[in-house]
Structure formats: C-alpha cells, structure tokens
C-alpha cells in the first residue's frame, strides 16, 4: 500500500474569479424557500474567508473567453455564457469580466488525500442526485434528453473512491454537509410544482457538468500529479468523443430553452451564480474547508 502524502497548493493556482461573499444558493420563486449557506466577507476568520472566496472560482472554467467578434447564436452562447463571464475577473475575461480581482495569497494551503477523498465523495453525491432527477417520472417528459448522455459521473467516481480507499488504506467518509446542502437544493428545484424549477435546474446541470469537462480537468491533473503519482482518475475520463457529447447536450438544452417563456429563460440565467456557488463549495474541500461557515 502507498503512503498518503500532503501537498502544498497555492490557492491562486486555481483561482480565476472572485466574489465578495456567498449568498444563499437560489430561490425558485417568491414562494419557494431558499436553501443554502452564506459566507460573510467581513467574517472574522480571515483565513477561511479568503480560502472560501478563492475556492469558488475553481468551478467556473466552462465558458471560454470570446476570441472573435462573431455574434453568439442560441440561448447558451447569448445568455448563459454572458452570465458566467460576468463572474470572471478582467484578467480572465478582459472584455467581459466584472468580478473583483483577488490579491495573491501569502501562504499556500496543504491539501491532503483526506481532503480530496471528501471532495470526491460529496461530488459523487451531487452527481447522483443530478442523475436521479433526470430520470424522475414527474420530469421525464422534459428531462429525457439528459438521461445517459455520456456526461454521467456517478459510476466513474465510485471506481475512484474505491481505488483510493483500498490503495491508501483509508476509511470512506460519509457525505458531508456541503454536498448534502447542494444536493438538497437541487432536489427542491426538481420538486417545484408544474416543473417551474426546471429552468434553474438546467442552469445548475449545464454549469456543473460542463465546468468539470474544463476547469475540473485542470484540478484533476493537479491532484493527480500531487497526490496520485500522476494517475488519472476515471472521474476525468469519458467514453466516446467528449466534444460530440457536449455538443449533443448543448443542442438538447437549446431545444428545451426554445420552449421557455422570457421569464423562464431569465430564471435559468439568474441561477448562474447559485450554480457557481454550489460547485465552488464542493471545491472548498481542496482548501481544507469541510463544512459551510
């Protein structure tokens, strides 16, 4: 069996966007109860506040910066992408970024295998909930195109968790509060009557899965090099042509969005920050944060 090692990771290695503070994840409508967690930018625990706010951006690399003046086409390019780019800093998106730049941290954080295992376990819980929602009989007519797309991560994560537990003689942790809170938020969106939560749910789905194919792979490469002797986990592998898989899923989202009213489209776009926050809090495990503050 291999010995578990700790590695020093500069928070700024991953940070690409900053926010002043966390607010509750989202609300479906004025009568729907918010579920989430808040981080006050004036929190007296300055180190944890700094870490949390810098871990939030680990989630958001699914939207490349525009490189031409070609007009965007479709709901994703015109609206979802624009909402995401506003959460970038100017250094990340020179023409579109609006988020405040963060000063580089003076000290790196020591990420351990325990941190990473908790991140994988909570991530699997969230992906499992996403995948269960897509097969919910109450939502089948709307969400069938998002079943068995090839983006699913629950199975690959199970393989990875079992590998780490066995190879490094670790005890599999229970799902933590961070993963449980985000999964609960997703379930509540799915449960809103008359499918009214679907537009926001699709925003979470799109940003979460697509961010993993981009910035998530960068994180995986770092963890592989620093913790796993350069082994690539199944979490970061896909069966088939990933580019085509993503294109097919985007097309399915476009078809669905074309059936929405202007209000429903706005609900989807407005959920972008909440989607980033949910994913960002999962990534906070890599900074040693194991519960919402």
C-alpha atoms as a PDB file:
ATOM      1  CA  UNK A   1       0.000   0.000   0.000  1.00  0.00           C
ATOM      2  CA  UNK A   2       1.128   3.554  -0.670  1.00  0.00           C
ATOM      3  CA  UNK A   3       1.705   6.159   1.977  1.00  0.00           C
ATOM      4  CA  UNK A   4      -0.579   9.174   1.967  1.00  0.00           C
ATOM      5  CA  UNK A   5       1.233  12.413   1.293  1.00  0.00           C
ATOM      6  CA  UNK A   6       0.302  16.036   1.817  1.00  0.00           C
ATOM      7  CA  UNK A   7       0.982  18.608  -0.847  1.00  0.00           C
ATOM      8  CA  UNK A   8       1.241  22.367  -0.817  1.00  0.00           C
ATOM      9  CA  UNK A   9      -1.090  24.014  -3.303  1.00  0.00           C
ATOM     10  CA  UNK A  10      -1.218  27.716  -3.872  1.00  0.00           C
ATOM     11  CA  UNK A  11      -4.813  28.828  -3.843  1.00  0.00           C
ATOM     12  CA  UNK A  12      -4.047  31.219  -6.658  1.00  0.00           C
ATOM     13  CA  UNK A  13      -3.141  28.262  -8.873  1.00  0.00           C
ATOM     14  CA  UNK A  14      -6.828  27.544  -9.306  1.00  0.00           C
ATOM     15  CA  UNK A  15      -8.486  30.899  -8.689  1.00  0.00           C
ATOM     16  CA  UNK A  16      -9.949  32.512 -11.772  1.00  0.00           C
ATOM     17  CA  UNK A  17     -12.819  34.595 -10.423  1.00  0.00           C
ATOM     18  CA  UNK A  18     -13.509  36.270  -7.121  1.00  0.00           C
ATOM     19  CA  UNK A  19     -16.641  37.300  -5.271  1.00  0.00           C
ATOM     20  CA  UNK A  20     -17.105  39.379  -2.177  1.00  0.00           C
ATOM     21  CA  UNK A  21     -19.243  36.905  -0.314  1.00  0.00           C
ATOM     22  CA  UNK A  22     -21.564  33.950  -0.650  1.00  0.00           C
ATOM     23  CA  UNK A  23     -25.298  34.363  -0.512  1.00  0.00           C
ATOM     24  CA  UNK A  24     -27.966  31.636  -0.316  1.00  0.00           C
ATOM     25  CA  UNK A  25     -27.847  29.333  -3.314  1.00  0.00           C
ATOM     26  CA  UNK A  26     -31.055  30.251  -5.089  1.00  0.00           C
ATOM     27  CA  UNK A  27     -34.781  30.718  -4.920  1.00  0.00           C
ATOM     28  CA  UNK A  28     -37.220  29.196  -7.356  1.00  0.00           C
ATOM     29  CA  UNK A  29     -39.880  31.836  -6.897  1.00  0.00           C
ATOM     30  CA  UNK A  30     -41.133  34.239  -4.293  1.00  0.00           C
ATOM     31  CA  UNK A  31     -42.991  31.436  -2.503  1.00  0.00           C
ATOM     32  CA  UNK A  32     -40.113  28.947  -2.541  1.00  0.00           C
ATOM     33  CA  UNK A  33     -37.869  28.629   0.495  1.00  0.00           C
ATOM     34  CA  UNK A  34     -34.193  29.380  -0.028  1.00  0.00           C
ATOM     35  CA  UNK A  35     -31.751  26.666   0.919  1.00  0.00           C
ATOM     36  CA  UNK A  36     -28.045  27.347   1.076  1.00  0.00           C
ATOM     37  CA  UNK A  37     -25.232  28.792   3.085  1.00  0.00           C
ATOM     38  CA  UNK A  38     -23.768  32.236   3.440  1.00  0.00           C
ATOM     39  CA  UNK A  39     -20.207  33.457   3.857  1.00  0.00           C
ATOM     40  CA  UNK A  40     -19.891  36.997   5.106  1.00  0.00           C
ATOM     41  CA  UNK A  41     -16.991  38.876   3.527  1.00  0.00           C
ATOM     42  CA  UNK A  42     -16.497  40.527   6.912  1.00  0.00           C
ATOM     43  CA  UNK A  43     -16.109  37.156   8.644  1.00  0.00           C
ATOM     44  CA  UNK A  44     -13.599  37.437  11.469  1.00  0.00           C
ATOM     45  CA  UNK A  45     -11.974  34.197  10.378  1.00  0.00           C
ATOM     46  CA  UNK A  46      -9.981  35.908   7.647  1.00  0.00           C
ATOM     47  CA  UNK A  47      -8.088  32.817   6.522  1.00  0.00           C
ATOM     48  CA  UNK A  48     -11.196  30.719   5.952  1.00  0.00           C
ATOM     49  CA  UNK A  49     -12.950  33.642   4.301  1.00  0.00           C
ATOM     50  CA  UNK A  50     -10.036  34.088   1.921  1.00  0.00           C
ATOM     51  CA  UNK A  51      -9.907  30.393   1.148  1.00  0.00           C
ATOM     52  CA  UNK A  52     -13.638  30.078   0.547  1.00  0.00           C
ATOM     53  CA  UNK A  53     -13.770  33.056  -1.747  1.00  0.00           C
ATOM     54  CA  UNK A  54     -10.817  31.782  -3.728  1.00  0.00           C
ATOM     55  CA  UNK A  55     -12.179  28.261  -3.955  1.00  0.00           C
ATOM     56  CA  UNK A  56     -15.425  29.467  -5.534  1.00  0.00           C
ATOM     57  CA  UNK A  57     -13.754  30.091  -8.920  1.00  0.00           C
ATOM     58  CA  UNK A  58     -12.487  26.531  -9.257  1.00  0.00           C
ATOM     59  CA  UNK A  59     -15.892  25.770 -10.661  1.00  0.00           C
ATOM     60  CA  UNK A  60     -16.294  28.223 -13.463  1.00  0.00           C
ATOM     61  CA  UNK A  61     -13.989  27.388 -16.341  1.00  0.00           C
ATOM     62  CA  UNK A  62     -16.646  26.005 -18.659  1.00  0.00           C
ATOM     63  CA  UNK A  63     -17.060  29.188 -20.692  1.00  0.00           C
ATOM     64  CA  UNK A  64     -14.067  30.226 -22.815  1.00  0.00           C
ATOM     65  CA  UNK A  65     -13.414  33.901 -23.382  1.00  0.00           C
ATOM     66  CA  UNK A  66     -14.594  35.137 -26.742  1.00  0.00           C
ATOM     67  CA  UNK A  67     -11.802  35.332 -29.318  1.00  0.00           C
ATOM     68  CA  UNK A  68     -13.704  36.865 -32.226  1.00  0.00           C
ATOM     69  CA  UNK A  69     -16.408  39.410 -32.963  1.00  0.00           C
ATOM     70  CA  UNK A  70     -18.746  36.765 -34.351  1.00  0.00           C
ATOM     71  CA  UNK A  71     -22.222  37.202 -32.910  1.00  0.00           C
ATOM     72  CA  UNK A  72     -23.254  34.442 -30.495  1.00  0.00           C
ATOM     73  CA  UNK A  73     -26.075  32.167 -31.555  1.00  0.00           C
ATOM     74  CA  UNK A  74     -28.506  30.326 -29.334  1.00  0.00           C
ATOM     75  CA  UNK A  75     -29.563  30.662 -25.716  1.00  0.00           C
ATOM     76  CA  UNK A  76     -26.346  29.225 -24.266  1.00  0.00           C
ATOM     77  CA  UNK A  77     -23.972  31.466 -26.198  1.00  0.00           C
ATOM     78  CA  UNK A  78     -26.107  34.588 -25.967  1.00  0.00           C
ATOM     79  CA  UNK A  79     -27.250  34.369 -22.373  1.00  0.00           C
ATOM     80  CA  UNK A  80     -25.817  31.611 -20.172  1.00  0.00           C
ATOM     81  CA  UNK A  81     -22.270  32.281 -21.276  1.00  0.00           C
ATOM     82  CA  UNK A  82     -22.648  36.006 -20.694  1.00  0.00           C
ATOM     83  CA  UNK A  83     -23.883  35.461 -17.152  1.00  0.00           C
ATOM     84  CA  UNK A  84     -20.901  33.221 -16.460  1.00  0.00           C
ATOM     85  CA  UNK A  85     -18.340  35.593 -17.926  1.00  0.00           C
ATOM     86  CA  UNK A  86     -19.519  38.370 -15.618  1.00  0.00           C
ATOM     87  CA  UNK A  87     -18.269  36.240 -12.733  1.00  0.00           C
ATOM     88  CA  UNK A  88     -14.757  36.287 -14.201  1.00  0.00           C
ATOM     89  CA  UNK A  89     -12.211  38.969 -13.426  1.00  0.00           C
ATOM     90  CA  UNK A  90     -10.842  41.300 -16.072  1.00  0.00           C
ATOM     91  CA  UNK A  91      -7.602  39.336 -16.139  1.00  0.00           C
ATOM     92  CA  UNK A  92      -9.569  36.214 -17.033  1.00  0.00           C
ATOM     93  CA  UNK A  93     -12.038  37.852 -19.415  1.00  0.00           C
ATOM     94  CA  UNK A  94     -10.636  41.241 -20.490  1.00  0.00           C
ATOM     95  CA  UNK A  95     -13.761  42.472 -22.252  1.00  0.00           C
ATOM     96  CA  UNK A  96     -16.466  40.810 -20.159  1.00  0.00           C
ATOM     97  CA  UNK A  97     -15.183  40.141 -16.650  1.00  0.00           C
ATOM     98  CA  UNK A  98     -16.732  42.110 -13.828  1.00  0.00           C
ATOM     99  CA  UNK A  99     -15.618  40.269 -10.673  1.00  0.00           C
ATOM    100  CA  UNK A 100     -13.137  41.861  -8.316  1.00  0.00           C
ATOM    101  CA  UNK A 101      -9.528  40.755  -8.627  1.00  0.00           C
ATOM    102  CA  UNK A 102      -8.179  38.984  -5.536  1.00  0.00           C
ATOM    103  CA  UNK A 103      -4.729  39.561  -4.102  1.00  0.00           C
ATOM    104  CA  UNK A 104      -2.462  36.520  -4.296  1.00  0.00           C
ATOM    105  CA  UNK A 105      -2.386  34.584  -1.003  1.00  0.00           C
ATOM    106  CA  UNK A 106       0.759  34.848   1.069  1.00  0.00           C
ATOM    107  CA  UNK A 107       0.691  31.206   2.141  1.00  0.00           C
ATOM    108  CA  UNK A 108      -0.236  28.016   0.272  1.00  0.00           C
ATOM    109  CA  UNK A 109      -2.753  25.579   1.670  1.00  0.00           C
ATOM    110  CA  UNK A 110      -1.695  21.993   2.360  1.00  0.00           C
ATOM    111  CA  UNK A 111      -4.178  19.713   0.590  1.00  0.00           C
ATOM    112  CA  UNK A 112      -4.279  16.137   1.840  1.00  0.00           C
ATOM    113  CA  UNK A 113      -5.597  12.902   0.433  1.00  0.00           C
ATOM    114  CA  UNK A 114      -8.309  13.120   3.068  1.00  0.00           C
ATOM    115  CA  UNK A 115      -9.431  16.475   1.614  1.00  0.00           C
ATOM    116  CA  UNK A 116      -9.510  15.013  -1.867  1.00  0.00           C
ATOM    117  CA  UNK A 117     -11.434  11.903  -0.836  1.00  0.00           C
ATOM    118  CA  UNK A 118     -14.086  14.033   0.860  1.00  0.00           C
ATOM    119  CA  UNK A 119     -14.318  16.137  -2.290  1.00  0.00           C
ATOM    120  CA  UNK A 120     -14.842  13.021  -4.418  1.00  0.00           C
ATOM    121  CA  UNK A 121     -17.467  11.551  -2.072  1.00  0.00           C
ATOM    122  CA  UNK A 122     -19.504  14.756  -1.909  1.00  0.00           C
ATOM    123  CA  UNK A 123     -19.117  15.284  -5.648  1.00  0.00           C
ATOM    124  CA  UNK A 124     -20.472  11.802  -6.300  1.00  0.00           C
ATOM    125  CA  UNK A 125     -23.466  12.522  -4.087  1.00  0.00           C
ATOM    126  CA  UNK A 126     -24.292  15.645  -6.082  1.00  0.00           C
ATOM    127  CA  UNK A 127     -23.840  13.899  -9.425  1.00  0.00           C
ATOM    128  CA  UNK A 128     -26.028  11.006  -8.239  1.00  0.00           C
ATOM    129  CA  UNK A 129     -28.787  13.454  -7.346  1.00  0.00           C
ATOM    130  CA  UNK A 130     -28.490  15.127 -10.744  1.00  0.00           C
ATOM    131  CA  UNK A 131     -28.747  11.750 -12.453  1.00  0.00           C
ATOM    132  CA  UNK A 132     -31.693  10.628 -10.319  1.00  0.00           C
ATOM    133  CA  UNK A 133     -33.526  13.859 -11.073  1.00  0.00           C
ATOM    134  CA  UNK A 134     -33.084  13.320 -14.811  1.00  0.00           C
ATOM    135  CA  UNK A 135     -34.968  10.007 -14.521  1.00  0.00           C
ATOM    136  CA  UNK A 136     -37.683  11.308 -12.186  1.00  0.00           C
ATOM    137  CA  UNK A 137     -41.035  10.174 -13.566  1.00  0.00           C
ATOM    138  CA  UNK A 138     -42.554  13.581 -12.810  1.00  0.00           C
ATOM    139  CA  UNK A 139     -39.975  15.245 -15.062  1.00  0.00           C
ATOM    140  CA  UNK A 140     -39.481  12.559 -17.704  1.00  0.00           C
ATOM    141  CA  UNK A 141     -41.217  14.434 -20.497  1.00  0.00           C
ATOM    142  CA  UNK A 142     -38.904  17.419 -20.023  1.00  0.00           C
ATOM    143  CA  UNK A 143     -35.598  15.878 -18.998  1.00  0.00           C
ATOM    144  CA  UNK A 144     -35.416  12.646 -21.011  1.00  0.00           C
ATOM    145  CA  UNK A 145     -32.790  14.152 -23.391  1.00  0.00           C
ATOM    146  CA  UNK A 146     -30.425  14.443 -20.395  1.00  0.00           C
ATOM    147  CA  UNK A 147     -30.513  10.759 -19.480  1.00  0.00           C
ATOM    148  CA  UNK A 148     -27.498   8.630 -20.472  1.00  0.00           C
ATOM    149  CA  UNK A 149     -25.772  11.466 -22.308  1.00  0.00           C
ATOM    150  CA  UNK A 150     -22.262  10.210 -21.634  1.00  0.00           C
ATOM    151  CA  UNK A 151     -21.513  13.025 -19.188  1.00  0.00           C
ATOM    152  CA  UNK A 152     -22.666  10.988 -16.157  1.00  0.00           C
ATOM    153  CA  UNK A 153     -20.041  10.792 -13.387  1.00  0.00           C
ATOM    154  CA  UNK A 154     -21.538   8.666 -10.598  1.00  0.00           C
ATOM    155  CA  UNK A 155     -20.104   5.350 -11.830  1.00  0.00           C
ATOM    156  CA  UNK A 156     -16.579   6.621 -12.568  1.00  0.00           C
ATOM    157  CA  UNK A 157     -16.469   8.316  -9.169  1.00  0.00           C
ATOM    158  CA  UNK A 158     -17.374   5.062  -7.428  1.00  0.00           C
ATOM    159  CA  UNK A 159     -14.407   3.393  -9.111  1.00  0.00           C
ATOM    160  CA  UNK A 160     -12.112   6.210  -7.996  1.00  0.00           C
ATOM    161  CA  UNK A 161     -13.356   6.290  -4.419  1.00  0.00           C
ATOM    162  CA  UNK A 162     -12.881   2.551  -4.083  1.00  0.00           C
ATOM    163  CA  UNK A 163      -9.377   2.834  -5.540  1.00  0.00           C
ATOM    164  CA  UNK A 164      -8.276   5.496  -3.078  1.00  0.00           C
ATOM    165  CA  UNK A 165      -9.862   3.713  -0.104  1.00  0.00           C
ATOM    166  CA  UNK A 166      -8.105   0.453  -0.962  1.00  0.00           C
ATOM    167  CA  UNK A 167      -4.810   1.774  -2.265  1.00  0.00           C
ATOM    168  CA  UNK A 168      -4.226   4.229   0.562  1.00  0.00           C
ATOM    169  CA  UNK A 169      -5.936   2.260   3.357  1.00  0.00           C
ATOM    170  CA  UNK A 170      -8.492   4.958   4.048  1.00  0.00           C
ATOM    171  CA  UNK A 171     -11.955   4.869   5.532  1.00  0.00           C
ATOM    172  CA  UNK A 172     -14.654   6.040   3.173  1.00  0.00           C
ATOM    173  CA  UNK A 173     -16.225   9.180   4.670  1.00  0.00           C
ATOM    174  CA  UNK A 174     -19.925   9.884   4.812  1.00  0.00           C
ATOM    175  CA  UNK A 175     -21.325  12.579   2.567  1.00  0.00           C
ATOM    176  CA  UNK A 176     -20.537  15.875   4.212  1.00  0.00           C
ATOM    177  CA  UNK A 177     -22.715  18.876   4.937  1.00  0.00           C
ATOM    178  CA  UNK A 178     -21.507  20.725   1.852  1.00  0.00           C
ATOM    179  CA  UNK A 179     -22.580  18.010  -0.572  1.00  0.00           C
ATOM    180  CA  UNK A 180     -25.807  17.374   1.314  1.00  0.00           C
ATOM    181  CA  UNK A 181     -26.807  21.039   1.207  1.00  0.00           C
ATOM    182  CA  UNK A 182     -26.199  21.398  -2.504  1.00  0.00           C
ATOM    183  CA  UNK A 183     -27.974  18.119  -3.298  1.00  0.00           C
ATOM    184  CA  UNK A 184     -30.959  19.263  -1.222  1.00  0.00           C
ATOM    185  CA  UNK A 185     -31.097  22.478  -3.191  1.00  0.00           C
ATOM    186  CA  UNK A 186     -31.193  20.524  -6.452  1.00  0.00           C
ATOM    187  CA  UNK A 187     -33.935  18.213  -5.184  1.00  0.00           C
ATOM    188  CA  UNK A 188     -36.027  21.196  -4.149  1.00  0.00           C
ATOM    189  CA  UNK A 189     -35.699  22.712  -7.594  1.00  0.00           C
ATOM    190  CA  UNK A 190     -36.833  19.420  -9.119  1.00  0.00           C
ATOM    191  CA  UNK A 191     -39.797  19.216  -6.756  1.00  0.00           C
ATOM    192  CA  UNK A 192     -41.339  22.585  -7.559  1.00  0.00           C
ATOM    193  CA  UNK A 193     -44.835  22.059  -8.923  1.00  0.00           C
ATOM    194  CA  UNK A 194     -45.594  22.301 -12.626  1.00  0.00           C
ATOM    195  CA  UNK A 195     -41.885  21.921 -13.463  1.00  0.00           C
ATOM    196  CA  UNK A 196     -41.319  25.560 -12.549  1.00  0.00           C
ATOM    197  CA  UNK A 197     -37.870  24.756 -11.159  1.00  0.00           C
ATOM    198  CA  UNK A 198     -36.614  23.187 -14.383  1.00  0.00           C
ATOM    199  CA  UNK A 199     -35.045  26.330 -15.907  1.00  0.00           C
ATOM    200  CA  UNK A 200     -32.894  26.888 -12.821  1.00  0.00           C
ATOM    201  CA  UNK A 201     -32.129  23.191 -12.575  1.00  0.00           C
ATOM    202  CA  UNK A 202     -30.876  23.170 -16.168  1.00  0.00           C
ATOM    203  CA  UNK A 203     -28.574  26.078 -15.361  1.00  0.00           C
ATOM    204  CA  UNK A 204     -27.076  24.066 -12.490  1.00  0.00           C
ATOM    205  CA  UNK A 205     -26.843  20.973 -14.675  1.00  0.00           C
ATOM    206  CA  UNK A 206     -25.151  22.739 -17.568  1.00  0.00           C
ATOM    207  CA  UNK A 207     -22.657  24.689 -15.499  1.00  0.00           C
ATOM    208  CA  UNK A 208     -21.811  21.788 -13.200  1.00  0.00           C
ATOM    209  CA  UNK A 209     -21.212  19.160 -15.864  1.00  0.00           C
ATOM    210  CA  UNK A 210     -19.521  21.430 -18.378  1.00  0.00           C
ATOM    211  CA  UNK A 211     -17.260  23.074 -15.811  1.00  0.00           C
ATOM    212  CA  UNK A 212     -15.996  19.621 -14.893  1.00  0.00           C
ATOM    213  CA  UNK A 213     -15.000  18.973 -18.508  1.00  0.00           C
ATOM    214  CA  UNK A 214     -12.910  22.158 -18.472  1.00  0.00           C
ATOM    215  CA  UNK A 215     -11.641  23.613 -15.178  1.00  0.00           C
ATOM    216  CA  UNK A 216     -12.462  20.373 -13.403  1.00  0.00           C
ATOM    217  CA  UNK A 217      -9.960  18.515 -15.542  1.00  0.00           C
ATOM    218  CA  UNK A 218      -7.317  21.077 -14.651  1.00  0.00           C
ATOM    219  CA  UNK A 219      -7.957  20.403 -10.973  1.00  0.00           C
ATOM    220  CA  UNK A 220      -7.815  16.663 -11.613  1.00  0.00           C
ATOM    221  CA  UNK A 221      -4.461  16.983 -13.323  1.00  0.00           C
ATOM    222  CA  UNK A 222      -3.078  18.922 -10.362  1.00  0.00           C
ATOM    223  CA  UNK A 223      -4.379  16.362  -7.866  1.00  0.00           C
ATOM    224  CA  UNK A 224      -3.046  13.513  -9.980  1.00  0.00           C
ATOM    225  CA  UNK A 225       0.440  14.976 -10.010  1.00  0.00           C
ATOM    226  CA  UNK A 226       0.497  15.978  -6.369  1.00  0.00           C
ATOM    227  CA  UNK A 227      -1.320  13.103  -4.688  1.00  0.00           C
ATOM    228  CA  UNK A 228      -1.679  10.109  -7.002  1.00  0.00           C
ATOM    229  CA  UNK A 229       1.706   9.692  -8.678  1.00  0.00           C
ATOM    230  CA  UNK A 230       0.197  11.084 -11.896  1.00  0.00           C
ATOM    231  CA  UNK A 231      -2.604   8.525 -12.073  1.00  0.00           C
ATOM    232  CA  UNK A 232      -5.635   9.879 -13.939  1.00  0.00           C
ATOM    233  CA  UNK A 233      -8.863   9.013 -12.183  1.00  0.00           C
ATOM    234  CA  UNK A 234     -11.925   7.768 -14.040  1.00  0.00           C
ATOM    235  CA  UNK A 235     -13.684  10.962 -12.942  1.00  0.00           C
ATOM    236  CA  UNK A 236     -11.662  12.748 -15.633  1.00  0.00           C
ATOM    237  CA  UNK A 237     -12.299  10.258 -18.448  1.00  0.00           C
ATOM    238  CA  UNK A 238     -15.300   9.929 -20.751  1.00  0.00           C
ATOM    239  CA  UNK A 239     -16.379   7.128 -23.068  1.00  0.00           C
ATOM    240  CA  UNK A 240     -16.582   8.366 -26.647  1.00  0.00           C
ATOM    241  CA  UNK A 241     -15.918  11.756 -28.186  1.00  0.00           C
ATOM    242  CA  UNK A 242     -16.325  14.305 -25.388  1.00  0.00           C
ATOM    243  CA  UNK A 243     -16.630  17.179 -27.841  1.00  0.00           C
ATOM    244  CA  UNK A 244     -19.564  15.478 -29.560  1.00  0.00           C
ATOM    245  CA  UNK A 245     -21.166  14.526 -26.242  1.00  0.00           C
ATOM    246  CA  UNK A 246     -21.043  18.139 -25.116  1.00  0.00           C
ATOM    247  CA  UNK A 247     -22.388  19.343 -28.446  1.00  0.00           C
ATOM    248  CA  UNK A 248     -25.334  16.953 -28.235  1.00  0.00           C
ATOM    249  CA  UNK A 249     -26.163  18.058 -24.696  1.00  0.00           C
ATOM    250  CA  UNK A 250     -25.935  21.727 -25.655  1.00  0.00           C
ATOM    251  CA  UNK A 251     -28.307  21.092 -28.541  1.00  0.00           C
ATOM    252  CA  UNK A 252     -30.778  19.432 -26.160  1.00  0.00           C
ATOM    253  CA  UNK A 253     -30.608  22.468 -23.875  1.00  0.00           C
ATOM    254  CA  UNK A 254     -31.206  24.781 -26.839  1.00  0.00           C
ATOM    255  CA  UNK A 255     -34.290  22.807 -27.866  1.00  0.00           C
ATOM    256  CA  UNK A 256     -35.662  22.946 -24.329  1.00  0.00           C
ATOM    257  CA  UNK A 257     -34.878  26.648 -23.905  1.00  0.00           C
ATOM    258  CA  UNK A 258     -36.692  27.426 -27.162  1.00  0.00           C
ATOM    259  CA  UNK A 259     -39.899  26.258 -25.481  1.00  0.00           C
ATOM    260  CA  UNK A 260     -39.465  28.580 -22.493  1.00  0.00           C
ATOM    261  CA  UNK A 261     -41.064  31.930 -21.912  1.00  0.00           C
ATOM    262  CA  UNK A 262     -38.913  35.005 -21.398  1.00  0.00           C
ATOM    263  CA  UNK A 263     -39.495  34.686 -17.656  1.00  0.00           C
ATOM    264  CA  UNK A 264     -38.298  31.079 -17.640  1.00  0.00           C
ATOM    265  CA  UNK A 265     -35.171  31.991 -19.581  1.00  0.00           C
ATOM    266  CA  UNK A 266     -34.442  34.728 -17.077  1.00  0.00           C
ATOM    267  CA  UNK A 267     -34.842  32.266 -14.196  1.00  0.00           C
ATOM    268  CA  UNK A 268     -32.281  29.998 -15.847  1.00  0.00           C
ATOM    269  CA  UNK A 269     -29.759  32.778 -16.442  1.00  0.00           C
ATOM    270  CA  UNK A 270     -30.243  34.225 -12.962  1.00  0.00           C
ATOM    271  CA  UNK A 271     -29.330  30.865 -11.406  1.00  0.00           C
ATOM    272  CA  UNK A 272     -25.761  31.071 -12.743  1.00  0.00           C
ATOM    273  CA  UNK A 273     -24.177  32.467  -9.592  1.00  0.00           C
ATOM    274  CA  UNK A 274     -26.013  29.915  -7.462  1.00  0.00           C
ATOM    275  CA  UNK A 275     -24.668  27.152  -9.705  1.00  0.00           C
ATOM    276  CA  UNK A 276     -21.145  28.502  -9.337  1.00  0.00           C
ATOM    277  CA  UNK A 277     -21.539  28.698  -5.574  1.00  0.00           C
ATOM    278  CA  UNK A 278     -22.737  25.118  -5.271  1.00  0.00           C
ATOM    279  CA  UNK A 279     -19.787  23.806  -7.242  1.00  0.00           C
ATOM    280  CA  UNK A 280     -17.385  26.197  -5.561  1.00  0.00           C
ATOM    281  CA  UNK A 281     -18.307  24.956  -2.113  1.00  0.00           C
ATOM    282  CA  UNK A 282     -17.562  21.386  -3.189  1.00  0.00           C
ATOM    283  CA  UNK A 283     -14.147  22.532  -4.340  1.00  0.00           C
ATOM    284  CA  UNK A 284     -13.612  24.165  -0.954  1.00  0.00           C
ATOM    285  CA  UNK A 285     -12.757  20.679   0.335  1.00  0.00           C
ATOM    286  CA  UNK A 286      -9.465  21.065  -1.534  1.00  0.00           C
ATOM    287  CA  UNK A 287      -8.769  24.086   0.647  1.00  0.00           C
ATOM    288  CA  UNK A 288      -9.446  22.172   3.855  1.00  0.00           C
ATOM    289  CA  UNK A 289     -12.969  23.520   4.329  1.00  0.00           C
ATOM    290  CA  UNK A 290     -15.263  20.634   5.197  1.00  0.00           C
ATOM    291  CA  UNK A 291     -18.421  22.469   6.237  1.00  0.00           C
ATOM    292  CA  UNK A 292     -20.186  25.707   5.300  1.00  0.00           C
ATOM    293  CA  UNK A 293     -19.228  28.537   7.642  1.00  0.00           C
END
